[in-house]
């Protein structure tokens, strides 16, 4: 037997390249679907966090009523204030913005509290959401409150029972008169 013996235990270079090409095609086909699911997950997560912050702001308002510290103005709560007052965990610090609760007067026919949310997290923001935050309320653009990250702050000032002003640094985001 003078012929050469080949080891048949391994794969050839062509077989390995074929497998790599097939895997690359599968990754390319799956990638858009995976990235859209990741995007949807981020949006849903932000909406859930916004609703949590809304509930915390409502709790803070109820505490002020029960403790007799309500001054009769439209309640304004910034995320930073809720954290400082111990109502919210510090890990929500990546979200900036404010929540304004429009409380109806005792003589109003509609006794529902109207919520105005001005919240931002990275490239996502919610602007003037009147109802419960949903993923459809989240918009992806450049950070609406980017001036407020770092050295700037969001402020929420009530100027009476009929108005509140939300500012990002010195820029007015919204001025809310009740209707």
N, C-alpha and C. Protein backbone atom coordinates (compact mmCIF):
# COMPACT_ATOMS: atom_id res chain seq x y z
N UNK A 1 0.83 -1.17 0.00
CA UNK A 1 0.00 0.00 0.00
C UNK A 1 0.88 1.23 0.00
N UNK A 2 0.95 1.85 -1.09
CA UNK A 2 1.78 3.02 -1.20
C UNK A 2 0.98 4.31 -1.23
N UNK A 3 -0.32 4.25 -1.33
CA UNK A 3 -1.13 5.47 -1.43
C UNK A 3 -1.17 6.25 -0.12
N UNK A 4 -1.49 7.51 -0.25
CA UNK A 4 -1.59 8.36 0.94
C UNK A 4 -2.91 8.09 1.65
N UNK A 5 -2.87 8.15 2.93
CA UNK A 5 -4.09 7.98 3.72
C UNK A 5 -4.50 9.35 4.24
N UNK A 6 -5.78 9.68 4.03
CA UNK A 6 -6.31 10.96 4.50
C UNK A 6 -7.10 10.73 5.78
N UNK A 7 -6.96 11.63 6.69
CA UNK A 7 -7.71 11.57 7.94
C UNK A 7 -9.12 12.08 7.66
N UNK A 8 -10.11 11.28 7.79
CA UNK A 8 -11.50 11.65 7.50
C UNK A 8 -12.25 12.16 8.73
N UNK A 9 -11.55 12.49 9.78
CA UNK A 9 -12.20 12.90 11.02
C UNK A 9 -12.57 14.38 11.06
N UNK A 10 -12.03 15.26 10.25
CA UNK A 10 -12.27 16.69 10.33
C UNK A 10 -13.14 17.21 9.19
N UNK A 11 -13.41 18.53 9.24
CA UNK A 11 -14.18 19.20 8.20
C UNK A 11 -13.22 19.90 7.25
N UNK A 12 -13.62 20.01 6.02
CA UNK A 12 -12.80 20.74 5.05
C UNK A 12 -13.07 22.22 5.20
N UNK A 13 -12.20 23.02 4.65
CA UNK A 13 -12.34 24.47 4.70
C UNK A 13 -13.63 24.91 4.01
N UNK A 14 -13.98 24.29 2.93
CA UNK A 14 -15.21 24.63 2.19
C UNK A 14 -16.44 24.34 3.05
N UNK A 15 -16.44 23.23 3.75
CA UNK A 15 -17.58 22.89 4.61
C UNK A 15 -17.71 23.91 5.76
N UNK A 16 -16.61 24.30 6.34
CA UNK A 16 -16.64 25.30 7.41
C UNK A 16 -17.14 26.65 6.90
N UNK A 17 -16.68 27.06 5.74
CA UNK A 17 -17.13 28.33 5.17
C UNK A 17 -18.63 28.29 4.85
N UNK A 18 -19.12 27.16 4.37
CA UNK A 18 -20.54 27.02 4.06
C UNK A 18 -21.38 27.18 5.33
N UNK A 19 -20.94 26.59 6.42
CA UNK A 19 -21.66 26.71 7.69
C UNK A 19 -21.64 28.16 8.18
N UNK A 20 -20.51 28.82 8.06
CA UNK A 20 -20.40 30.22 8.48
C UNK A 20 -21.31 31.11 7.64
N UNK A 21 -21.39 30.87 6.35
CA UNK A 21 -22.26 31.67 5.47
C UNK A 21 -23.73 31.45 5.86
N UNK A 22 -24.12 30.23 6.11
CA UNK A 22 -25.51 29.94 6.48
C UNK A 22 -25.84 30.62 7.82
N UNK A 23 -24.93 30.55 8.78
CA UNK A 23 -25.16 31.22 10.08
C UNK A 23 -25.25 32.74 9.91
N UNK A 24 -24.42 33.30 9.07
CA UNK A 24 -24.47 34.75 8.84
C UNK A 24 -25.79 35.16 8.23
N UNK A 25 -26.31 34.38 7.32
CA UNK A 25 -27.61 34.68 6.69
C UNK A 25 -28.72 34.61 7.74
N UNK A 26 -28.68 33.60 8.60
CA UNK A 26 -29.69 33.49 9.66
C UNK A 26 -29.64 34.68 10.61
N UNK A 27 -28.44 35.12 10.96
CA UNK A 27 -28.29 36.28 11.85
C UNK A 27 -28.84 37.53 11.18
N UNK A 28 -28.55 37.71 9.91
CA UNK A 28 -29.05 38.88 9.18
C UNK A 28 -30.57 38.89 9.09
N UNK A 29 -31.16 37.72 8.95
CA UNK A 29 -32.62 37.63 8.88
C UNK A 29 -33.27 37.89 10.24
N UNK A 30 -32.62 37.45 11.31
CA UNK A 30 -33.21 37.57 12.65
C UNK A 30 -32.94 38.93 13.29
N UNK A 31 -31.89 39.62 12.88
CA UNK A 31 -31.48 40.86 13.55
C UNK A 31 -32.56 41.95 13.58
N UNK A 32 -33.23 42.27 12.47
CA UNK A 32 -34.26 43.32 12.55
C UNK A 32 -35.38 42.97 13.53
N UNK A 33 -35.73 41.73 13.57
CA UNK A 33 -36.80 41.32 14.49
C UNK A 33 -36.36 41.45 15.95
N UNK A 34 -35.14 41.06 16.22
CA UNK A 34 -34.61 41.15 17.58
C UNK A 34 -34.49 42.61 18.00
N UNK A 35 -33.97 43.47 17.12
CA UNK A 35 -33.82 44.88 17.49
C UNK A 35 -35.17 45.56 17.68
N UNK A 36 -36.17 45.20 16.88
CA UNK A 36 -37.49 45.80 17.09
C UNK A 36 -38.11 45.33 18.40
N UNK A 37 -37.86 44.09 18.77
CA UNK A 37 -38.36 43.59 20.06
C UNK A 37 -37.65 44.29 21.22
N UNK A 38 -36.36 44.57 21.07
CA UNK A 38 -35.62 45.28 22.11
C UNK A 38 -36.15 46.72 22.24
N UNK A 39 -36.42 47.36 21.11
CA UNK A 39 -36.96 48.72 21.12
C UNK A 39 -38.33 48.75 21.79
N UNK A 40 -39.17 47.81 21.45
CA UNK A 40 -40.51 47.73 22.05
C UNK A 40 -40.41 47.50 23.56
N UNK A 41 -39.45 46.69 23.96
CA UNK A 41 -39.25 46.42 25.38
C UNK A 41 -38.81 47.67 26.13
N UNK A 42 -37.92 48.47 25.53
CA UNK A 42 -37.48 49.72 26.17
C UNK A 42 -38.65 50.70 26.33
N UNK A 43 -39.47 50.81 25.29
CA UNK A 43 -40.63 51.71 25.33
C UNK A 43 -41.61 51.26 26.40
N UNK A 44 -41.92 49.97 26.43
CA UNK A 44 -42.85 49.45 27.44
C UNK A 44 -42.30 49.63 28.84
N UNK A 45 -41.01 49.43 29.02
CA UNK A 45 -40.38 49.62 30.32
C UNK A 45 -40.52 51.07 30.78
N UNK A 46 -40.29 52.02 29.87
CA UNK A 46 -40.41 53.43 30.22
C UNK A 46 -41.85 53.77 30.60
N UNK A 47 -42.83 53.24 29.87
CA UNK A 47 -44.24 53.50 30.19
C UNK A 47 -44.59 52.94 31.57
N UNK A 48 -44.08 51.76 31.90
CA UNK A 48 -44.34 51.18 33.22
C UNK A 48 -43.71 52.04 34.31
N UNK A 49 -42.47 52.48 34.09
CA UNK A 49 -41.80 53.34 35.07
C UNK A 49 -42.53 54.67 35.23
N UNK A 50 -43.04 55.22 34.13
CA UNK A 50 -43.79 56.48 34.21
C UNK A 50 -45.05 56.31 35.04
N UNK A 51 -45.75 55.20 34.87
CA UNK A 51 -46.95 54.95 35.67
C UNK A 51 -46.60 54.76 37.15
N UNK A 52 -45.45 54.16 37.42
CA UNK A 52 -45.01 53.99 38.80
C UNK A 52 -44.74 55.37 39.43
N UNK A 53 -44.09 56.24 38.67
CA UNK A 53 -43.81 57.58 39.18
C UNK A 53 -45.10 58.36 39.38
N UNK A 54 -46.07 58.17 38.49
CA UNK A 54 -47.38 58.81 38.65
C UNK A 54 -48.04 58.38 39.96
N UNK A 55 -48.02 57.08 40.24
CA UNK A 55 -48.63 56.59 41.48
C UNK A 55 -47.91 57.15 42.70
N UNK A 56 -46.59 57.27 42.60
CA UNK A 56 -45.81 57.83 43.70
C UNK A 56 -46.19 59.30 43.92
N UNK A 57 -46.36 60.05 42.83
CA UNK A 57 -46.76 61.46 42.95
C UNK A 57 -48.14 61.57 43.59
N UNK A 58 -49.05 60.69 43.22
CA UNK A 58 -50.38 60.69 43.83
C UNK A 58 -50.30 60.36 45.32
N UNK A 59 -49.42 59.44 45.67
CA UNK A 59 -49.21 59.10 47.08
C UNK A 59 -48.66 60.31 47.84
N UNK A 60 -47.70 61.00 47.24
CA UNK A 60 -47.13 62.19 47.88
C UNK A 60 -48.21 63.24 48.10
N UNK A 61 -49.06 63.42 47.10
CA UNK A 61 -50.16 64.40 47.23
C UNK A 61 -51.10 64.00 48.37
N UNK A 62 -51.46 62.72 48.41
CA UNK A 62 -52.35 62.24 49.48
C UNK A 62 -51.71 62.42 50.85
N UNK A 63 -50.41 62.17 50.95
CA UNK A 63 -49.71 62.39 52.22
C UNK A 63 -49.78 63.86 52.63
N UNK A 64 -49.60 64.77 51.67
CA UNK A 64 -49.68 66.20 51.99
C UNK A 64 -51.09 66.57 52.48
N UNK A 65 -52.11 65.96 51.86
CA UNK A 65 -53.49 66.22 52.32
C UNK A 65 -53.70 65.71 53.74
N UNK A 66 -53.25 64.48 53.99
CA UNK A 66 -53.45 63.87 55.31
C UNK A 66 -52.67 64.57 56.40
N UNK A 67 -51.50 65.08 56.06
CA UNK A 67 -50.65 65.76 57.05
C UNK A 67 -50.98 67.24 57.19
N UNK A 68 -51.93 67.71 56.39
CA UNK A 68 -52.32 69.12 56.48
C UNK A 68 -51.30 70.07 55.89
N UNK A 69 -50.41 69.58 55.03
CA UNK A 69 -49.39 70.45 54.44
C UNK A 69 -49.75 70.88 53.03
N UNK A 70 -50.97 70.59 52.59
CA UNK A 70 -51.40 71.03 51.26
C UNK A 70 -51.65 72.53 51.29
N UNK A 71 -51.02 73.25 50.36
CA UNK A 71 -51.17 74.72 50.36
C UNK A 71 -52.26 75.20 49.40
N UNK A 72 -53.01 74.27 48.82
CA UNK A 72 -54.12 74.65 47.94
C UNK A 72 -53.71 74.93 46.50
N UNK A 73 -52.43 74.80 46.19
CA UNK A 73 -52.00 75.02 44.80
C UNK A 73 -52.02 73.70 44.04
N UNK A 74 -51.98 73.82 42.72
CA UNK A 74 -51.95 72.63 41.89
C UNK A 74 -50.68 71.84 42.20
N UNK A 75 -50.79 70.56 42.56
CA UNK A 75 -49.61 69.80 42.95
C UNK A 75 -48.65 69.56 41.78
N UNK A 76 -47.39 69.91 41.98
CA UNK A 76 -46.31 69.68 41.02
C UNK A 76 -45.26 68.83 41.69
N UNK A 77 -44.82 67.77 41.03
CA UNK A 77 -43.80 66.91 41.59
C UNK A 77 -42.75 66.60 40.53
N UNK A 78 -41.51 66.94 40.82
CA UNK A 78 -40.43 66.52 39.93
C UNK A 78 -39.91 65.18 40.42
N UNK A 79 -39.28 64.44 39.54
CA UNK A 79 -38.70 63.16 39.92
C UNK A 79 -37.66 63.38 41.01
N UNK A 80 -36.84 64.41 40.85
CA UNK A 80 -35.82 64.71 41.87
C UNK A 80 -36.44 64.98 43.24
N UNK A 81 -37.55 65.70 43.28
CA UNK A 81 -38.23 66.02 44.55
C UNK A 81 -38.79 64.74 45.18
N UNK A 82 -39.37 63.87 44.35
CA UNK A 82 -39.90 62.62 44.88
C UNK A 82 -38.79 61.74 45.45
N UNK A 83 -37.62 61.78 44.82
CA UNK A 83 -36.47 61.03 45.34
C UNK A 83 -35.99 61.66 46.64
N UNK A 84 -35.85 62.99 46.63
CA UNK A 84 -35.37 63.69 47.83
C UNK A 84 -36.30 63.50 49.03
N UNK A 85 -37.60 63.44 48.78
CA UNK A 85 -38.57 63.27 49.87
C UNK A 85 -38.75 61.81 50.29
N UNK A 86 -38.03 60.89 49.63
CA UNK A 86 -38.07 59.48 50.00
C UNK A 86 -39.24 58.70 49.41
N UNK A 87 -39.96 59.28 48.49
CA UNK A 87 -41.08 58.56 47.88
C UNK A 87 -40.63 57.64 46.75
N UNK A 88 -39.48 57.90 46.18
CA UNK A 88 -39.01 57.18 45.00
C UNK A 88 -37.57 56.74 45.21
N UNK A 89 -37.23 55.56 44.72
CA UNK A 89 -35.86 55.07 44.82
C UNK A 89 -34.93 55.89 43.94
N UNK A 90 -33.68 55.96 44.36
CA UNK A 90 -32.69 56.72 43.60
C UNK A 90 -32.40 56.12 42.24
N UNK A 91 -32.70 54.84 42.03
CA UNK A 91 -32.41 54.24 40.73
C UNK A 91 -33.32 54.78 39.63
N UNK A 92 -34.35 55.53 39.99
CA UNK A 92 -35.19 56.17 38.98
C UNK A 92 -34.57 57.50 38.54
N UNK A 93 -33.36 57.79 39.04
CA UNK A 93 -32.70 59.03 38.72
C UNK A 93 -32.37 59.19 37.24
N UNK A 94 -32.40 58.10 36.48
CA UNK A 94 -32.16 58.23 35.04
C UNK A 94 -33.36 58.83 34.32
N UNK A 95 -34.49 58.86 34.99
CA UNK A 95 -35.68 59.51 34.43
C UNK A 95 -35.73 60.92 35.00
N UNK A 96 -35.93 61.90 34.13
CA UNK A 96 -36.06 63.28 34.59
C UNK A 96 -37.42 63.79 34.14
N UNK A 97 -37.89 64.83 34.80
CA UNK A 97 -39.15 65.43 34.42
C UNK A 97 -40.03 65.73 35.60
N UNK A 98 -41.30 65.96 35.29
CA UNK A 98 -42.24 66.36 36.34
C UNK A 98 -43.61 65.79 36.05
N UNK A 99 -44.39 65.69 37.12
CA UNK A 99 -45.79 65.28 37.03
C UNK A 99 -46.61 66.35 37.73
N UNK A 100 -47.67 66.79 37.05
CA UNK A 100 -48.59 67.77 37.62
C UNK A 100 -49.95 67.08 37.74
N UNK A 101 -50.52 67.16 38.93
CA UNK A 101 -51.85 66.61 39.17
C UNK A 101 -52.85 67.76 39.19
N UNK A 102 -53.77 67.73 38.25
CA UNK A 102 -54.80 68.76 38.19
C UNK A 102 -56.01 68.24 38.98
N UNK A 103 -56.19 68.76 40.16
CA UNK A 103 -57.23 68.31 41.08
C UNK A 103 -58.49 69.14 40.85
N UNK A 104 -59.63 68.51 40.59
CA UNK A 104 -60.85 69.29 40.35
C UNK A 104 -61.35 69.94 41.65
N UNK A 105 -62.03 71.03 41.48
CA UNK A 105 -62.62 71.70 42.65
C UNK A 105 -63.79 70.86 43.16
N UNK A 106 -64.19 71.12 44.37
CA UNK A 106 -65.28 70.36 44.98
C UNK A 106 -66.59 70.54 44.22
N UNK A 107 -66.74 71.65 43.49
CA UNK A 107 -67.98 71.91 42.77
C UNK A 107 -67.93 71.46 41.31
N UNK A 108 -66.79 70.93 40.87
CA UNK A 108 -66.67 70.51 39.47
C UNK A 108 -67.54 69.29 39.21
N UNK A 109 -68.12 69.24 38.01
CA UNK A 109 -68.96 68.09 37.66
C UNK A 109 -68.12 66.85 37.41
N UNK A 110 -66.93 67.02 36.83
CA UNK A 110 -66.04 65.89 36.60
C UNK A 110 -65.01 65.87 37.72
N UNK A 111 -65.06 64.84 38.54
CA UNK A 111 -64.18 64.76 39.71
C UNK A 111 -62.90 63.96 39.44
N UNK A 112 -62.60 63.66 38.18
CA UNK A 112 -61.39 62.91 37.86
C UNK A 112 -60.16 63.81 37.94
N UNK A 113 -59.10 63.26 38.51
CA UNK A 113 -57.83 63.97 38.55
C UNK A 113 -57.20 63.87 37.17
N UNK A 114 -56.78 64.99 36.62
CA UNK A 114 -56.13 65.00 35.31
C UNK A 114 -54.62 65.03 35.55
N UNK A 115 -53.92 64.13 34.90
CA UNK A 115 -52.49 63.99 35.09
C UNK A 115 -51.76 64.56 33.89
N UNK A 116 -50.76 65.38 34.14
CA UNK A 116 -49.89 65.90 33.08
C UNK A 116 -48.49 65.37 33.36
N UNK A 117 -47.98 64.51 32.47
CA UNK A 117 -46.66 63.91 32.65
C UNK A 117 -45.68 64.51 31.67
N UNK A 118 -44.57 64.97 32.18
CA UNK A 118 -43.47 65.47 31.36
C UNK A 118 -42.22 64.71 31.80
N UNK A 119 -42.04 63.53 31.28
CA UNK A 119 -40.95 62.66 31.71
C UNK A 119 -40.08 62.29 30.53
N UNK A 120 -38.80 62.08 30.80
CA UNK A 120 -37.85 61.71 29.77
C UNK A 120 -36.86 60.70 30.32
N UNK A 121 -36.48 59.76 29.45
CA UNK A 121 -35.46 58.77 29.80
C UNK A 121 -34.63 58.53 28.56
N UNK A 122 -33.45 59.08 28.54
CA UNK A 122 -32.59 58.92 27.37
C UNK A 122 -33.22 59.55 26.14
N UNK A 123 -33.44 58.76 25.10
CA UNK A 123 -34.01 59.27 23.86
C UNK A 123 -35.54 59.18 23.83
N UNK A 124 -36.15 58.75 24.90
CA UNK A 124 -37.60 58.60 24.95
C UNK A 124 -38.20 59.68 25.83
N UNK A 125 -39.35 60.17 25.43
CA UNK A 125 -40.02 61.13 26.31
C UNK A 125 -41.52 61.03 26.18
N UNK A 126 -42.18 61.51 27.22
CA UNK A 126 -43.63 61.62 27.28
C UNK A 126 -43.94 63.08 27.53
N UNK A 127 -44.78 63.65 26.73
CA UNK A 127 -45.10 65.06 26.93
C UNK A 127 -46.60 65.21 27.09
N UNK A 128 -46.98 65.77 28.21
CA UNK A 128 -48.37 66.09 28.53
C UNK A 128 -49.32 64.92 28.30
N UNK A 129 -49.02 63.82 28.94
CA UNK A 129 -49.92 62.67 28.90
C UNK A 129 -51.01 62.93 29.92
N UNK A 130 -52.25 63.01 29.45
CA UNK A 130 -53.36 63.35 30.33
C UNK A 130 -53.89 62.12 31.06
N UNK A 131 -53.67 60.96 30.53
CA UNK A 131 -54.18 59.74 31.15
C UNK A 131 -53.01 58.86 31.57
N UNK A 132 -53.30 57.64 31.87
CA UNK A 132 -52.28 56.67 32.21
C UNK A 132 -51.29 56.53 31.05
N UNK A 133 -50.01 56.47 31.37
CA UNK A 133 -48.99 56.35 30.32
C UNK A 133 -49.08 54.98 29.67
N UNK A 134 -49.05 54.98 28.36
CA UNK A 134 -49.05 53.75 27.57
C UNK A 134 -47.84 53.81 26.65
N UNK A 135 -47.48 52.67 26.09
CA UNK A 135 -46.33 52.66 25.19
C UNK A 135 -46.60 53.53 23.97
N UNK A 136 -47.87 53.74 23.61
CA UNK A 136 -48.19 54.59 22.46
C UNK A 136 -47.96 56.07 22.77
N UNK A 137 -47.82 56.44 24.05
CA UNK A 137 -47.54 57.83 24.44
C UNK A 137 -46.06 58.17 24.40
N UNK A 138 -45.21 57.15 24.27
CA UNK A 138 -43.77 57.36 24.30
C UNK A 138 -43.29 57.72 22.90
N UNK A 139 -42.51 58.78 22.83
CA UNK A 139 -41.95 59.25 21.55
C UNK A 139 -40.44 59.13 21.64
N UNK A 140 -39.83 58.68 20.55
CA UNK A 140 -38.37 58.60 20.53
C UNK A 140 -37.82 59.71 19.66
N UNK A 141 -37.18 60.63 20.28
CA UNK A 141 -36.48 61.74 19.62
C UNK A 141 -35.27 62.05 20.46
N UNK A 142 -34.61 63.13 20.14
CA UNK A 142 -33.52 63.53 21.03
C UNK A 142 -34.14 63.89 22.38
N UNK A 143 -33.38 63.71 23.41
CA UNK A 143 -33.87 63.91 24.76
C UNK A 143 -34.47 65.30 24.93
N UNK A 144 -35.76 65.34 25.18
CA UNK A 144 -36.47 66.61 25.33
C UNK A 144 -35.91 67.43 26.48
N UNK A 145 -35.42 66.75 27.51
CA UNK A 145 -34.91 67.44 28.69
C UNK A 145 -33.41 67.30 28.82
N UNK A 146 -32.71 67.20 27.70
CA UNK A 146 -31.26 66.97 27.76
C UNK A 146 -30.55 68.09 28.50
N UNK A 147 -31.10 69.31 28.45
CA UNK A 147 -30.49 70.42 29.17
C UNK A 147 -30.58 70.20 30.67
N UNK A 148 -31.46 69.31 31.10
CA UNK A 148 -31.66 69.11 32.53
C UNK A 148 -30.81 67.98 33.08
N UNK A 149 -30.15 67.23 32.23
CA UNK A 149 -29.27 66.20 32.76
C UNK A 149 -27.95 66.85 33.13
N UNK A 150 -27.34 66.34 34.14
CA UNK A 150 -26.07 66.93 34.59
C UNK A 150 -26.34 68.12 35.50
N UNK A 151 -26.00 69.31 35.03
CA UNK A 151 -26.08 70.48 35.90
C UNK A 151 -27.47 71.12 35.94
N UNK A 152 -28.27 70.92 34.89
CA UNK A 152 -29.60 71.53 34.85
C UNK A 152 -30.60 70.72 35.66
N UNK A 153 -31.76 71.31 35.92
CA UNK A 153 -32.80 70.60 36.66
C UNK A 153 -34.16 70.92 36.08
N UNK A 154 -35.09 70.00 36.34
CA UNK A 154 -36.48 70.23 36.01
C UNK A 154 -37.13 70.83 37.24
N UNK A 155 -37.88 71.91 37.05
CA UNK A 155 -38.62 72.51 38.16
C UNK A 155 -40.10 72.49 37.83
N UNK A 156 -40.88 72.39 38.86
CA UNK A 156 -42.33 72.38 38.71
C UNK A 156 -42.86 73.33 39.77
N UNK A 157 -43.49 74.40 39.33
CA UNK A 157 -43.93 75.43 40.26
C UNK A 157 -45.42 75.65 40.12
N UNK A 158 -46.13 75.54 41.22
CA UNK A 158 -47.55 75.83 41.22
C UNK A 158 -47.73 77.30 41.54
N UNK A 159 -48.53 77.98 40.72
CA UNK A 159 -48.76 79.40 40.97
C UNK A 159 -50.19 79.66 41.39
N UNK A 160 -50.85 78.66 41.84
CA UNK A 160 -52.22 78.78 42.30
C UNK A 160 -52.99 77.51 41.99
N UNK A 161 -54.28 77.52 42.28
CA UNK A 161 -55.08 76.33 42.03
C UNK A 161 -55.35 76.16 40.55
N UNK A 162 -55.08 77.19 39.75
CA UNK A 162 -55.40 77.13 38.33
C UNK A 162 -54.21 77.01 37.41
N UNK A 163 -52.98 77.00 37.92
CA UNK A 163 -51.85 76.98 37.02
C UNK A 163 -50.62 76.37 37.65
N UNK A 164 -49.80 75.79 36.80
CA UNK A 164 -48.50 75.27 37.20
C UNK A 164 -47.56 75.42 36.01
N UNK A 165 -46.29 75.64 36.29
CA UNK A 165 -45.30 75.80 35.24
C UNK A 165 -44.20 74.77 35.42
N UNK A 166 -43.89 74.06 34.32
CA UNK A 166 -42.82 73.09 34.32
C UNK A 166 -41.69 73.66 33.48
N UNK A 167 -40.49 73.73 34.07
CA UNK A 167 -39.33 74.28 33.36
C UNK A 167 -38.19 73.28 33.36
N UNK A 168 -37.44 73.32 32.27
CA UNK A 168 -36.21 72.56 32.14
C UNK A 168 -35.10 73.59 32.11
N UNK A 169 -34.38 73.73 33.23
CA UNK A 169 -33.44 74.84 33.33
C UNK A 169 -34.22 76.14 33.32
N UNK A 170 -33.92 77.01 32.37
CA UNK A 170 -34.67 78.27 32.25
C UNK A 170 -35.72 78.21 31.15
N UNK A 171 -35.81 77.09 30.44
CA UNK A 171 -36.77 76.94 29.35
C UNK A 171 -38.10 76.39 29.86
N UNK A 172 -39.18 77.09 29.55
CA UNK A 172 -40.50 76.61 29.96
C UNK A 172 -40.94 75.48 29.06
N UNK A 173 -41.22 74.33 29.67
CA UNK A 173 -41.73 73.19 28.92
C UNK A 173 -43.22 73.33 28.74
N UNK A 174 -43.89 73.72 29.81
CA UNK A 174 -45.33 73.86 29.74
C UNK A 174 -45.83 74.77 30.85
N UNK A 175 -46.88 75.47 30.53
CA UNK A 175 -47.59 76.24 31.52
C UNK A 175 -49.02 75.74 31.49
N UNK A 176 -49.50 75.25 32.61
CA UNK A 176 -50.78 74.55 32.65
C UNK A 176 -51.85 75.31 33.39
N UNK A 177 -52.70 76.00 32.69
CA UNK A 177 -53.90 76.52 33.37
C UNK A 177 -54.96 75.44 33.38
N UNK A 178 -55.77 75.38 34.40
CA UNK A 178 -56.87 74.42 34.40
C UNK A 178 -57.98 74.95 33.51
N UNK A 179 -58.73 74.01 32.98
CA UNK A 179 -59.85 74.41 32.10
C UNK A 179 -61.16 74.16 32.78
